[in-house]
């Protein structure tokens, strides 16, 4: 008399609710990939190719801003002449830019 009947509820649609809730998150992941990860991977690939192509006689600028000419190339280190009879050893990863030939003379 005071107890009402309990009826089963209808099931929610399986596709519409679950995937549509994650659509903004998926969109954010795609934007993150194309705006941040892909350009960073491209720059890293270019840097690795530049470091692999270093050879004796190249003129470089280091991360610290020193200009010099490579006198010796090793596996991980370079000998760089920064002035007459002044040679320093640096890591290959410290090279920022390879300059065109003759740049140091024009400075």
N, C-alpha and C. Protein backbone atom coordinates (compact mmCIF):
# COMPACT_ATOMS: atom_id res chain seq x y z
N UNK A 1 0.82 -1.17 0.00
CA UNK A 1 0.00 0.00 0.00
C UNK A 1 0.88 1.27 0.00
N UNK A 2 1.90 1.34 0.86
CA UNK A 2 2.79 2.50 0.86
C UNK A 2 4.05 2.29 0.03
N UNK A 3 4.29 1.09 -0.42
CA UNK A 3 5.49 0.78 -1.19
C UNK A 3 5.15 0.86 -2.66
N UNK A 4 5.96 1.65 -3.41
CA UNK A 4 5.71 1.78 -4.84
C UNK A 4 6.55 0.75 -5.59
N UNK A 5 6.18 0.50 -6.81
CA UNK A 5 6.91 -0.46 -7.64
C UNK A 5 8.24 0.15 -8.10
N UNK A 6 9.30 -0.66 -8.13
CA UNK A 6 10.61 -0.23 -8.59
C UNK A 6 10.80 -0.73 -10.02
N UNK A 7 10.88 0.19 -10.96
CA UNK A 7 11.05 -0.17 -12.36
C UNK A 7 12.52 0.04 -12.76
N UNK A 8 12.99 -0.79 -13.66
CA UNK A 8 14.37 -0.67 -14.14
C UNK A 8 14.50 0.57 -15.02
N UNK A 9 15.65 1.24 -14.91
CA UNK A 9 15.88 2.42 -15.75
C UNK A 9 16.43 1.98 -17.09
N UNK A 10 16.22 2.82 -18.10
CA UNK A 10 16.76 2.50 -19.42
C UNK A 10 18.26 2.75 -19.43
N UNK A 11 18.99 1.94 -20.20
CA UNK A 11 20.45 2.05 -20.28
C UNK A 11 20.84 3.28 -21.09
N UNK A 12 21.96 3.92 -20.72
CA UNK A 12 22.47 5.08 -21.45
C UNK A 12 23.10 4.58 -22.76
N UNK A 13 23.07 5.39 -23.82
CA UNK A 13 23.70 4.96 -25.07
C UNK A 13 25.20 4.76 -24.86
N UNK A 14 25.74 3.67 -25.39
CA UNK A 14 27.14 3.30 -25.16
C UNK A 14 28.10 4.22 -25.90
N UNK A 15 27.80 4.62 -27.12
CA UNK A 15 28.74 5.39 -27.93
C UNK A 15 28.70 6.87 -27.58
N UNK A 16 27.57 7.44 -27.53
CA UNK A 16 27.44 8.89 -27.39
C UNK A 16 28.04 9.45 -26.12
N UNK A 17 27.84 8.83 -25.00
CA UNK A 17 28.30 9.38 -23.74
C UNK A 17 29.78 9.21 -23.51
N UNK A 18 30.34 8.02 -23.74
CA UNK A 18 31.73 7.74 -23.41
C UNK A 18 32.72 8.43 -24.31
N UNK A 19 32.59 8.33 -25.61
CA UNK A 19 33.55 8.90 -26.55
C UNK A 19 33.42 10.42 -26.60
N UNK A 20 32.23 10.92 -26.53
CA UNK A 20 32.03 12.37 -26.61
C UNK A 20 32.61 13.09 -25.40
N UNK A 21 32.68 12.41 -24.26
CA UNK A 21 33.28 13.02 -23.08
C UNK A 21 34.80 13.16 -23.24
N UNK A 22 35.44 12.26 -23.97
CA UNK A 22 36.88 12.29 -24.15
C UNK A 22 37.31 13.05 -25.40
N UNK A 23 36.39 13.51 -26.21
CA UNK A 23 36.72 14.22 -27.44
C UNK A 23 37.55 15.48 -27.19
N UNK A 24 37.22 16.33 -26.23
CA UNK A 24 38.08 17.50 -25.97
C UNK A 24 39.49 17.11 -25.52
N UNK A 25 39.61 16.05 -24.75
CA UNK A 25 40.92 15.60 -24.30
C UNK A 25 41.76 15.07 -25.47
N UNK A 26 41.12 14.36 -26.38
CA UNK A 26 41.81 13.86 -27.57
C UNK A 26 42.24 15.03 -28.45
N UNK A 27 41.37 16.01 -28.60
CA UNK A 27 41.71 17.21 -29.39
C UNK A 27 42.88 17.96 -28.78
N UNK A 28 42.92 18.06 -27.47
CA UNK A 28 44.01 18.74 -26.78
C UNK A 28 45.33 17.98 -26.99
N UNK A 29 45.29 16.66 -26.97
CA UNK A 29 46.50 15.86 -27.20
C UNK A 29 47.02 16.06 -28.63
N UNK A 30 46.13 16.15 -29.61
CA UNK A 30 46.54 16.37 -31.00
C UNK A 30 47.18 17.74 -31.15
N UNK A 31 46.58 18.76 -30.57
CA UNK A 31 47.14 20.12 -30.63
C UNK A 31 48.50 20.16 -29.94
N UNK A 32 48.62 19.51 -28.80
CA UNK A 32 49.89 19.45 -28.07
C UNK A 32 50.97 18.82 -28.93
N UNK A 33 50.64 17.75 -29.63
CA UNK A 33 51.62 17.07 -30.48
C UNK A 33 52.10 17.98 -31.60
N UNK A 34 51.18 18.62 -32.31
CA UNK A 34 51.57 19.43 -33.47
C UNK A 34 52.18 20.78 -33.09
N UNK A 35 51.87 21.30 -31.92
CA UNK A 35 52.40 22.61 -31.53
C UNK A 35 53.70 22.51 -30.74
N UNK A 36 53.92 21.41 -30.02
CA UNK A 36 55.09 21.33 -29.15
C UNK A 36 56.01 20.17 -29.50
N UNK A 37 55.51 18.97 -29.52
CA UNK A 37 56.39 17.81 -29.68
C UNK A 37 57.01 17.71 -31.07
N UNK A 38 56.23 17.89 -32.10
CA UNK A 38 56.74 17.72 -33.47
C UNK A 38 57.83 18.75 -33.81
N UNK A 39 57.65 20.05 -33.54
CA UNK A 39 58.73 21.00 -33.82
C UNK A 39 59.99 20.73 -32.99
N UNK A 40 59.82 20.29 -31.75
CA UNK A 40 60.97 19.99 -30.91
C UNK A 40 61.75 18.80 -31.46
N UNK A 41 61.06 17.78 -31.94
CA UNK A 41 61.72 16.63 -32.53
C UNK A 41 62.45 17.03 -33.81
N UNK A 42 61.86 17.94 -34.58
CA UNK A 42 62.50 18.39 -35.81
C UNK A 42 63.79 19.15 -35.51
N UNK A 43 63.77 20.04 -34.50
CA UNK A 43 64.97 20.78 -34.12
C UNK A 43 66.05 19.84 -33.59
N UNK A 44 65.67 18.84 -32.82
CA UNK A 44 66.65 17.89 -32.29
C UNK A 44 67.30 17.10 -33.42
N UNK A 45 66.52 16.74 -34.42
CA UNK A 45 67.05 16.00 -35.57
C UNK A 45 68.03 16.87 -36.35
N UNK A 46 67.71 18.15 -36.56
CA UNK A 46 68.60 19.06 -37.27
C UNK A 46 69.89 19.29 -36.48
N UNK A 47 69.79 19.42 -35.16
CA UNK A 47 70.98 19.62 -34.32
C UNK A 47 71.89 18.41 -34.38
N UNK A 48 71.31 17.22 -34.34
CA UNK A 48 72.11 15.99 -34.40
C UNK A 48 72.82 15.87 -35.75
N UNK A 49 72.14 16.23 -36.83
CA UNK A 49 72.76 16.18 -38.16
C UNK A 49 73.90 17.20 -38.26
N UNK A 50 73.70 18.39 -37.68
CA UNK A 50 74.73 19.42 -37.71
C UNK A 50 75.97 18.97 -36.94
N UNK A 51 75.76 18.36 -35.77
CA UNK A 51 76.89 17.90 -34.96
C UNK A 51 77.63 16.75 -35.65
N UNK A 52 76.90 15.92 -36.36
CA UNK A 52 77.54 14.82 -37.07
C UNK A 52 78.36 15.28 -38.26
N UNK A 53 78.04 16.43 -38.82
CA UNK A 53 78.73 16.94 -40.00
C UNK A 53 79.90 17.86 -39.68
N UNK A 54 80.20 18.07 -38.40
CA UNK A 54 81.32 18.94 -38.04
C UNK A 54 82.63 18.33 -38.51
N UNK A 55 83.51 19.20 -39.03
CA UNK A 55 84.81 18.74 -39.50
C UNK A 55 85.86 19.82 -39.27
N UNK A 56 87.09 19.45 -39.42
CA UNK A 56 88.21 20.36 -39.22
C UNK A 56 88.08 21.54 -40.17
N UNK A 57 88.28 22.74 -39.64
CA UNK A 57 88.22 23.95 -40.45
C UNK A 57 86.89 24.67 -40.38
N UNK A 58 85.85 24.04 -39.83
CA UNK A 58 84.55 24.72 -39.69
C UNK A 58 84.65 25.82 -38.65
N UNK A 59 83.96 26.90 -38.91
CA UNK A 59 83.90 28.00 -37.96
C UNK A 59 82.59 27.89 -37.21
N UNK A 60 82.67 27.97 -35.87
CA UNK A 60 81.50 27.72 -35.04
C UNK A 60 81.30 28.81 -34.00
N UNK A 61 80.10 28.82 -33.43
CA UNK A 61 79.79 29.62 -32.25
C UNK A 61 79.30 28.64 -31.20
N UNK A 62 79.86 28.72 -29.98
CA UNK A 62 79.44 27.82 -28.91
C UNK A 62 78.24 28.41 -28.18
N UNK A 63 77.67 27.61 -27.30
CA UNK A 63 76.53 28.08 -26.51
C UNK A 63 76.94 29.26 -25.65
N UNK A 64 78.19 29.29 -25.21
CA UNK A 64 78.69 30.39 -24.39
C UNK A 64 78.99 31.65 -25.18
N UNK A 65 78.98 31.57 -26.51
CA UNK A 65 79.20 32.75 -27.34
C UNK A 65 80.59 32.87 -27.91
N UNK A 66 81.46 31.89 -27.67
CA UNK A 66 82.82 31.96 -28.21
C UNK A 66 82.82 31.59 -29.69
N UNK A 67 83.57 32.36 -30.48
CA UNK A 67 83.74 32.04 -31.89
C UNK A 67 85.09 31.36 -32.05
N UNK A 68 85.14 30.38 -32.94
CA UNK A 68 86.41 29.71 -33.16
C UNK A 68 86.38 28.82 -34.38
N UNK A 69 87.56 28.28 -34.68
CA UNK A 69 87.72 27.38 -35.83
C UNK A 69 88.11 26.01 -35.28
N UNK A 70 87.46 24.96 -35.75
CA UNK A 70 87.72 23.60 -35.29
C UNK A 70 89.08 23.16 -35.84
N UNK A 71 89.94 22.67 -34.92
CA UNK A 71 91.25 22.17 -35.34
C UNK A 71 91.34 20.66 -35.23
N UNK A 72 90.51 20.06 -34.40
CA UNK A 72 90.53 18.61 -34.23
C UNK A 72 89.14 18.14 -33.81
N UNK A 73 88.69 17.03 -34.42
CA UNK A 73 87.37 16.48 -34.12
C UNK A 73 87.53 15.10 -33.50
N UNK A 74 86.96 14.91 -32.31
CA UNK A 74 86.95 13.61 -31.65
C UNK A 74 85.53 13.07 -31.61
N UNK A 75 85.35 11.99 -30.86
CA UNK A 75 84.01 11.40 -30.75
C UNK A 75 83.06 12.32 -29.98
N UNK A 76 83.50 12.82 -28.84
CA UNK A 76 82.64 13.66 -28.00
C UNK A 76 83.17 15.08 -27.82
N UNK A 77 84.42 15.32 -28.18
CA UNK A 77 85.04 16.62 -27.93
C UNK A 77 85.62 17.20 -29.21
N UNK A 78 85.74 18.52 -29.21
CA UNK A 78 86.35 19.26 -30.31
C UNK A 78 87.48 20.12 -29.76
N UNK A 79 88.52 20.31 -30.54
CA UNK A 79 89.53 21.31 -30.23
C UNK A 79 89.21 22.51 -31.10
N UNK A 80 89.07 23.65 -30.44
CA UNK A 80 88.66 24.87 -31.13
C UNK A 80 89.71 25.95 -30.89
N UNK A 81 90.19 26.54 -31.98
CA UNK A 81 91.14 27.64 -31.88
C UNK A 81 90.35 28.94 -31.82
N UNK A 82 90.45 29.63 -30.66
CA UNK A 82 89.68 30.86 -30.49
C UNK A 82 90.52 32.11 -30.73
N UNK A 83 91.85 31.94 -30.74
CA UNK A 83 92.77 33.03 -31.06
C UNK A 83 94.06 32.38 -31.55
N UNK A 84 95.02 33.18 -31.99
CA UNK A 84 96.29 32.62 -32.45
C UNK A 84 96.96 31.87 -31.30
N UNK A 85 97.25 30.58 -31.54
CA UNK A 85 97.91 29.70 -30.58
C UNK A 85 97.13 29.52 -29.27
N UNK A 86 95.82 29.73 -29.30
CA UNK A 86 94.96 29.47 -28.13
C UNK A 86 93.90 28.47 -28.56
N UNK A 87 94.03 27.25 -28.03
CA UNK A 87 93.11 26.18 -28.39
C UNK A 87 92.42 25.68 -27.13
N UNK A 88 91.12 25.50 -27.22
CA UNK A 88 90.35 24.98 -26.09
C UNK A 88 89.64 23.70 -26.52
N UNK A 89 89.31 22.89 -25.54
CA UNK A 89 88.54 21.67 -25.78
C UNK A 89 87.11 21.92 -25.33
N UNK A 90 86.15 21.58 -26.17
CA UNK A 90 84.74 21.72 -25.81
C UNK A 90 84.01 20.43 -26.18
N UNK A 91 82.84 20.23 -25.58
CA UNK A 91 82.00 19.11 -25.97
C UNK A 91 81.29 19.45 -27.27
N UNK A 92 81.01 18.43 -28.05
CA UNK A 92 80.30 18.65 -29.31
C UNK A 92 78.93 19.28 -29.06
N UNK A 93 78.29 18.89 -27.96
CA UNK A 93 76.95 19.41 -27.68
C UNK A 93 76.95 20.91 -27.38
N UNK A 94 78.12 21.49 -27.13
CA UNK A 94 78.21 22.92 -26.83
C UNK A 94 78.20 23.77 -28.09
N UNK A 95 78.21 23.17 -29.27
CA UNK A 95 78.20 23.93 -30.52
C UNK A 95 76.76 24.37 -30.80
N UNK A 96 76.59 25.67 -31.00
CA UNK A 96 75.26 26.20 -31.27
C UNK A 96 75.02 26.40 -32.77
N UNK A 97 75.99 27.03 -33.45
CA UNK A 97 75.82 27.37 -34.86
C UNK A 97 77.12 27.09 -35.60
N UNK A 98 77.00 26.61 -36.83
CA UNK A 98 78.15 26.51 -37.72
C UNK A 98 78.05 27.71 -38.66
N UNK A 99 79.13 28.52 -38.67
CA UNK A 99 79.14 29.74 -39.48
C UNK A 99 79.66 29.44 -40.88
N UNK A 100 79.31 30.29 -41.86
CA UNK A 100 79.90 30.14 -43.19
C UNK A 100 81.41 30.43 -43.13
N UNK A 101 82.14 29.80 -44.03
CA UNK A 101 83.60 29.98 -44.08
C UNK A 101 83.96 31.46 -44.28
N UNK A 102 84.97 31.92 -43.56
CA UNK A 102 85.43 33.30 -43.69
C UNK A 102 84.72 34.30 -42.80
N UNK A 103 83.79 33.86 -41.99
CA UNK A 103 83.04 34.76 -41.13
C UNK A 103 83.93 35.38 -40.06
N UNK A 104 84.79 34.58 -39.46
CA UNK A 104 85.64 35.09 -38.38
C UNK A 104 86.62 36.14 -38.88
N UNK A 105 87.15 35.98 -40.09
CA UNK A 105 88.07 36.98 -40.65
C UNK A 105 87.37 38.31 -40.89
N UNK A 106 86.09 38.27 -41.23
CA UNK A 106 85.38 39.51 -41.53
C UNK A 106 85.01 40.28 -40.28
N UNK A 107 85.12 39.64 -39.11
CA UNK A 107 84.81 40.34 -37.86
C UNK A 107 86.01 41.06 -37.41
